Protein backbone atom coordinates (compact mmCIF):
# COMPACT_ATOMS: atom_id res chain seq x y z
CA UNK A 1 -8.32 3.31 9.99
CA UNK A 2 -4.91 2.05 8.88
CA UNK A 3 -5.17 4.31 5.82
CA UNK A 4 -5.95 7.45 7.87
CA UNK A 5 -3.04 9.61 8.99
CA UNK A 6 -4.78 10.57 12.23
CA UNK A 7 -4.23 7.20 13.92
CA UNK A 8 -1.07 5.48 15.11
CA UNK A 9 -1.14 2.56 12.71
CA UNK A 10 0.25 2.06 9.22
CA UNK A 11 -0.12 5.29 7.22
CA UNK A 12 0.97 8.17 9.44
CA UNK A 13 2.06 5.90 12.30
CA UNK A 14 4.92 6.65 14.69
CA UNK A 15 8.44 6.03 13.41
CA UNK A 16 11.05 3.96 15.25
CA UNK A 17 14.66 4.86 16.09
CA UNK A 18 15.62 4.22 12.46
CA UNK A 19 12.92 6.53 11.12
CA UNK A 20 10.71 3.70 9.83
CA UNK A 21 7.03 2.94 10.42
CA UNK A 22 7.21 -0.58 11.90
CA UNK A 23 3.86 -2.16 12.68
CA UNK A 24 2.14 -4.90 14.65
CA UNK A 25 -1.40 -6.23 14.27
CA UNK A 26 -3.63 -8.95 15.68
CA UNK A 27 -7.02 -10.51 15.02
CA UNK A 28 -9.05 -13.04 17.03
CA UNK A 29 -12.43 -14.77 16.64
CA UNK A 30 -14.80 -16.30 19.18
CA UNK A 31 -13.70 -19.83 18.28
CA UNK A 32 -10.27 -18.83 19.70
CA UNK A 33 -8.59 -18.61 16.31
CA UNK A 34 -5.78 -16.06 16.32
CA UNK A 35 -3.43 -14.36 13.88
CA UNK A 36 -0.72 -11.82 14.77
CA UNK A 37 2.14 -10.13 12.93
CA UNK A 38 5.01 -8.20 14.46
CA UNK A 39 7.60 -5.71 13.20
CA UNK A 40 6.32 -5.54 9.62
CA UNK A 41 7.27 -2.80 7.19
CA UNK A 42 5.85 -1.26 4.03
CA UNK A 43 2.47 -2.99 4.35
CA UNK A 44 -0.60 -0.77 3.87
CA UNK A 45 -2.86 -2.97 6.01
CA UNK A 46 -1.05 -5.08 8.64
CA UNK A 47 -4.42 -6.34 9.95
CA UNK A 48 -4.96 -8.05 6.59
CA UNK A 49 -1.63 -9.81 6.99
CA UNK A 50 -2.61 -10.86 10.52
CA UNK A 51 -5.82 -12.33 9.08
CA UNK A 52 -3.73 -14.35 6.62
CA UNK A 53 -1.75 -15.78 9.54
CA UNK A 54 -5.06 -16.86 11.07
CA UNK A 55 -6.50 -18.29 7.84
CA UNK A 56 -3.49 -19.82 6.09
CA UNK A 57 -1.06 -20.95 8.76
CA UNK A 58 -0.99 -23.01 11.93
CA UNK A 59 0.90 -20.25 13.74
CA UNK A 60 -0.28 -17.56 16.13
CA UNK A 61 2.46 -14.95 15.57
CA UNK A 62 4.84 -14.34 12.66
CA UNK A 63 7.34 -11.47 12.77
CA UNK A 64 9.77 -9.48 10.64
CA UNK A 65 11.15 -11.32 7.58
CA UNK A 66 8.77 -14.25 8.06
CA UNK A 67 5.77 -11.93 7.99
CA UNK A 68 7.16 -10.04 5.00
CA UNK A 69 7.63 -13.35 3.16
CA UNK A 70 4.01 -14.33 3.88
CA UNK A 71 2.87 -10.96 2.52
CA UNK A 72 4.80 -11.51 -0.72
CA UNK A 73 3.55 -15.08 -1.12
CA UNK A 74 -0.02 -13.88 -0.55
CA UNK A 75 0.36 -11.11 -3.15
CA UNK A 76 -0.22 -8.30 -0.68
CA UNK A 77 0.97 -4.98 -2.13
CA UNK A 78 4.41 -3.97 -0.82
CA UNK A 79 4.84 -0.21 -0.54
CA UNK A 80 7.99 1.74 -1.27
CA UNK A 81 10.18 2.61 1.76
CA UNK A 82 8.94 5.79 3.41
CA UNK A 83 5.51 5.66 1.78
CA UNK A 84 3.78 5.31 5.17
CA UNK A 85 5.56 8.30 6.71
CA UNK A 86 3.44 11.44 7.06
CA UNK A 87 4.24 14.81 8.57
CA UNK A 88 1.26 15.73 10.75
CA UNK A 89 0.46 18.97 12.50
CA UNK A 90 0.24 18.05 16.19
CA UNK A 91 -3.01 19.99 16.42
CA UNK A 92 -4.71 17.65 13.93
CA UNK A 93 -3.31 14.35 15.16
CA UNK A 94 -5.67 12.17 17.19
CA UNK A 95 -3.14 9.59 18.35
CA UNK A 96 -0.69 9.51 21.19
CA UNK A 97 2.91 8.42 20.62
CA UNK A 98 2.32 4.79 21.62
CA UNK A 99 -1.39 4.32 21.04
CA UNK A 100 -3.17 1.80 18.83
CA UNK A 101 -6.50 1.38 17.08
CA UNK A 102 -8.94 -1.43 17.68
CA UNK A 103 -12.20 -2.82 16.35
CA UNK A 104 -14.77 -5.33 17.59
CA UNK A 105 -17.50 -6.98 15.53
CA UNK A 106 -20.70 -9.01 15.89
CA UNK A 107 -22.71 -10.31 12.92
CA UNK A 108 -26.12 -11.88 12.31
CA UNK A 109 -24.68 -15.33 12.79
CA UNK A 110 -23.64 -14.21 16.28
CA UNK A 111 -19.97 -14.53 15.40
CA UNK A 112 -17.58 -12.26 17.30
CA UNK A 113 -14.19 -10.88 16.33
CA UNK A 114 -11.65 -8.34 17.55
CA UNK A 115 -8.67 -6.72 15.89
CA UNK A 116 -5.98 -4.17 16.62
CA UNK A 117 -3.22 -2.43 14.71
CA UNK A 118 -0.40 -0.16 15.86
CA UNK A 119 2.90 1.42 14.91
CA UNK A 120 3.92 1.36 18.56
CA UNK A 121 5.95 3.84 20.52
CA UNK A 122 7.65 6.80 18.87
CA UNK A 123 11.41 6.19 18.64
CA UNK A 124 11.20 2.55 19.77
CA UNK A 125 14.30 0.40 19.37
CA UNK A 126 14.81 -1.83 16.35
CA UNK A 127 13.13 -5.19 16.93
CA UNK A 128 10.60 -3.89 19.45
CA UNK A 129 7.02 -5.17 19.19
CA UNK A 130 3.90 -4.02 21.03
CA UNK A 131 1.87 -6.02 23.53
CA UNK A 132 -1.44 -4.80 22.15
CA UNK A 133 -0.55 -5.99 18.66
CA UNK A 134 1.14 -9.31 19.43
CA UNK A 135 0.10 -10.59 22.88
CA UNK A 136 -3.42 -12.03 22.92
CA UNK A 137 -5.25 -11.19 26.14
CA UNK A 138 -3.49 -7.85 26.48
CA UNK A 139 -4.94 -5.64 23.74
CA UNK A 140 -7.63 -7.95 22.36
CA UNK A 141 -9.56 -11.03 23.41
CA UNK A 142 -12.67 -12.84 22.20
CA UNK A 143 -14.68 -15.73 23.60
CA UNK A 144 -18.33 -16.79 23.72
CA UNK A 145 -19.16 -13.97 26.18
CA UNK A 146 -17.96 -11.06 24.06
CA UNK A 147 -15.27 -9.30 22.07
CA UNK A 148 -13.00 -6.60 23.49
CA UNK A 149 -10.23 -4.31 22.29
CA UNK A 150 -8.13 -2.17 24.64
CA UNK A 151 -6.07 0.90 23.77
CA UNK A 152 -3.59 2.89 25.82
CA UNK A 153 -0.14 2.70 27.38
CA UNK A 154 1.41 -0.38 25.78
CA UNK A 155 3.85 -1.21 28.58
CA UNK A 156 1.13 -1.06 31.22
CA UNK A 157 -1.26 -3.12 29.08
CA UNK A 158 1.45 -5.78 28.66
CA UNK A 159 1.89 -6.08 32.44
CA UNK A 160 -1.82 -6.13 33.29
CA UNK A 161 -3.43 -7.94 30.30
CA UNK A 162 -6.81 -6.17 30.69
CA UNK A 163 -8.60 -7.57 27.63
CA UNK A 164 -8.85 -11.13 28.90
CA UNK A 165 -9.58 -9.97 32.45
CA UNK A 166 -12.58 -7.95 31.28
CA UNK A 167 -14.21 -10.94 29.59
CA UNK A 168 -13.37 -13.27 32.45
CA UNK A 169 -15.25 -10.99 34.85
CA UNK A 170 -18.05 -10.47 32.35
CA UNK A 171 -18.65 -14.24 32.22
CA UNK A 172 -19.58 -14.19 35.91
CA UNK A 173 -22.78 -12.27 34.98
CA UNK A 174 -23.11 -10.92 38.52
CA UNK A 175 -22.24 -7.34 37.59
CA UNK A 176 -23.00 -4.99 34.70
CA UNK A 177 -20.52 -4.23 31.92
CA UNK A 178 -20.03 -0.75 33.31
CA UNK A 179 -19.20 -2.13 36.77
CA UNK A 180 -16.79 -4.67 35.29
CA UNK A 181 -14.88 -2.06 33.28
CA UNK A 182 -14.87 0.45 36.15
CA UNK A 183 -13.36 -2.22 38.41
CA UNK A 184 -10.75 -3.06 35.79
CA UNK A 185 -9.80 0.62 35.43
CA UNK A 186 -9.43 1.03 39.19
CA UNK A 187 -7.49 -2.21 39.60
CA UNK A 188 -5.29 -1.30 36.63
CA UNK A 189 -4.27 2.02 38.18
CA UNK A 190 -3.65 0.47 41.60
CA UNK A 191 -1.53 -2.39 40.30
CA UNK A 192 0.51 -0.20 37.98
CA UNK A 193 1.41 1.87 41.07
CA UNK A 194 2.48 4.91 39.10
CA UNK A 195 2.44 8.58 40.00
CA UNK A 196 0.51 11.16 38.01
CA UNK A 197 -0.25 11.09 35.17
CA UNK A 198 -1.95 7.70 35.32
CA UNK A 199 -1.56 5.53 32.20
CA UNK A 200 -4.40 6.07 29.73
CA UNK A 201 -6.76 3.21 28.99
CA UNK A 202 -9.75 2.87 26.68
CA UNK A 203 -12.06 -0.07 26.03
CA UNK A 204 -14.47 -0.98 23.25
CA UNK A 205 -16.57 -4.10 23.68
CA UNK A 206 -19.48 -5.97 22.15
CA UNK A 207 -21.31 -8.65 24.12
CA UNK A 208 -22.48 -12.06 22.94
CA UNK A 209 -25.92 -10.47 22.46
CA UNK A 210 -24.50 -7.75 20.21
CA UNK A 211 -24.63 -4.91 22.75
CA UNK A 212 -21.83 -2.35 22.18
CA UNK A 213 -19.98 -0.61 25.01
CA UNK A 214 -17.33 2.13 25.15
CA UNK A 215 -15.43 3.48 28.16
CA UNK A 216 -12.12 5.31 28.62
CA UNK A 217 -9.87 6.93 31.22
CA UNK A 218 -8.31 9.68 29.15
CA UNK A 219 -9.19 13.13 27.82
CA UNK A 220 -9.93 11.98 24.27
CA UNK A 221 -10.78 8.57 22.84
CA UNK A 222 -12.17 8.60 19.28
CA UNK A 223 -14.79 5.86 18.97
CA UNK A 224 -17.67 4.83 16.74
CA UNK A 225 -20.04 1.92 16.35
CA UNK A 226 -22.68 0.90 13.84
CA UNK A 227 -26.00 -0.53 14.98
CA UNK A 228 -29.27 -1.12 13.10
CA UNK A 229 -28.69 1.41 10.34
CA UNK A 230 -27.14 4.16 12.47
CA UNK A 231 -23.58 5.13 13.31
CA UNK A 232 -22.87 6.49 16.80
CA UNK A 233 -19.61 8.28 17.56
CA UNK A 234 -17.72 10.58 19.90
CA UNK A 235 -14.31 11.57 21.20
CA UNK A 236 -14.60 13.35 24.55
CA UNK A 237 -16.24 12.13 27.73
CA UNK A 238 -20.09 12.19 27.69
CA UNK A 239 -20.00 12.96 23.96
CA UNK A 240 -22.32 10.92 21.70
CA UNK A 241 -23.57 11.78 18.23
CA UNK A 242 -25.54 9.71 15.73
CA UNK A 243 -26.23 9.67 11.99
CA UNK A 244 -28.48 7.48 9.87
CA UNK A 245 -26.70 5.37 7.25
CA UNK A 246 -28.72 5.60 4.05
CA UNK A 247 -26.28 3.59 1.94
CA UNK A 248 -24.23 0.66 3.22
CA UNK A 249 -21.34 -0.19 0.91
CA UNK A 250 -20.73 -3.70 2.27
CA UNK A 251 -23.60 -4.92 4.44
CA UNK A 252 -22.63 -8.61 4.25
CA UNK A 253 -23.67 -10.11 7.58
CA UNK A 254 -23.32 -6.82 9.43
CA UNK A 255 -25.98 -5.90 11.97
CA UNK A 256 -26.08 -2.41 10.45
CA UNK A 257 -28.90 -3.37 8.10
CA UNK A 258 -32.21 -2.72 9.82
CA UNK A 259 -33.80 -5.88 8.46
CA UNK A 260 -34.08 -9.59 9.19
């Protein structure tokens, strides 16, 4: 998704006050390993750099020059200034000015992971970083009960930290996933105490058993998940399409393969 101009991350992402695409990204696994990068520039895939923080350092978050240095030392391609900037017709853009993209995963070994990537708010000040991309528990969280990624109004997500709250309530196992997320949405709006329009919020989740779940409180929320050889997707409320995947490029340990 970072290479698609329709989303607010990396290529085609929002520009800051200096006219640059400045990005944040985070990744987390169910053994509580974490890697985050903040305020990085000219990197095609910030989520890859976040994964390097997780795999090669003892740190949780590396920002700006430190993150750029890690990218160089790890031989990640550095793009030319302005290469991530794209002029998009507003009618074809799928992202809001401060939105992010997220992904959750579950494999045959029952390992869970979550990741998010964002260019943040349009026109943000120099040095600004997003909560969804740098603060674990806000935009993403993973534990033995599931993996979750939250998208929406960054400032509100930072104050409420919905990702960790969703999994904490899910661990109680006294209510369904739908009831948990509905309660979080309602509580989120009440605690934010804002007048109309309410801050948008969308959630993707996969449980410890590999069950996917999508819910959102906004007009449009592009989503997709792969399960047992099919891809399911939608954008508007009550919209759900499916297609059979005849060829899987990288099955690895993915549950997409309809086999043992």
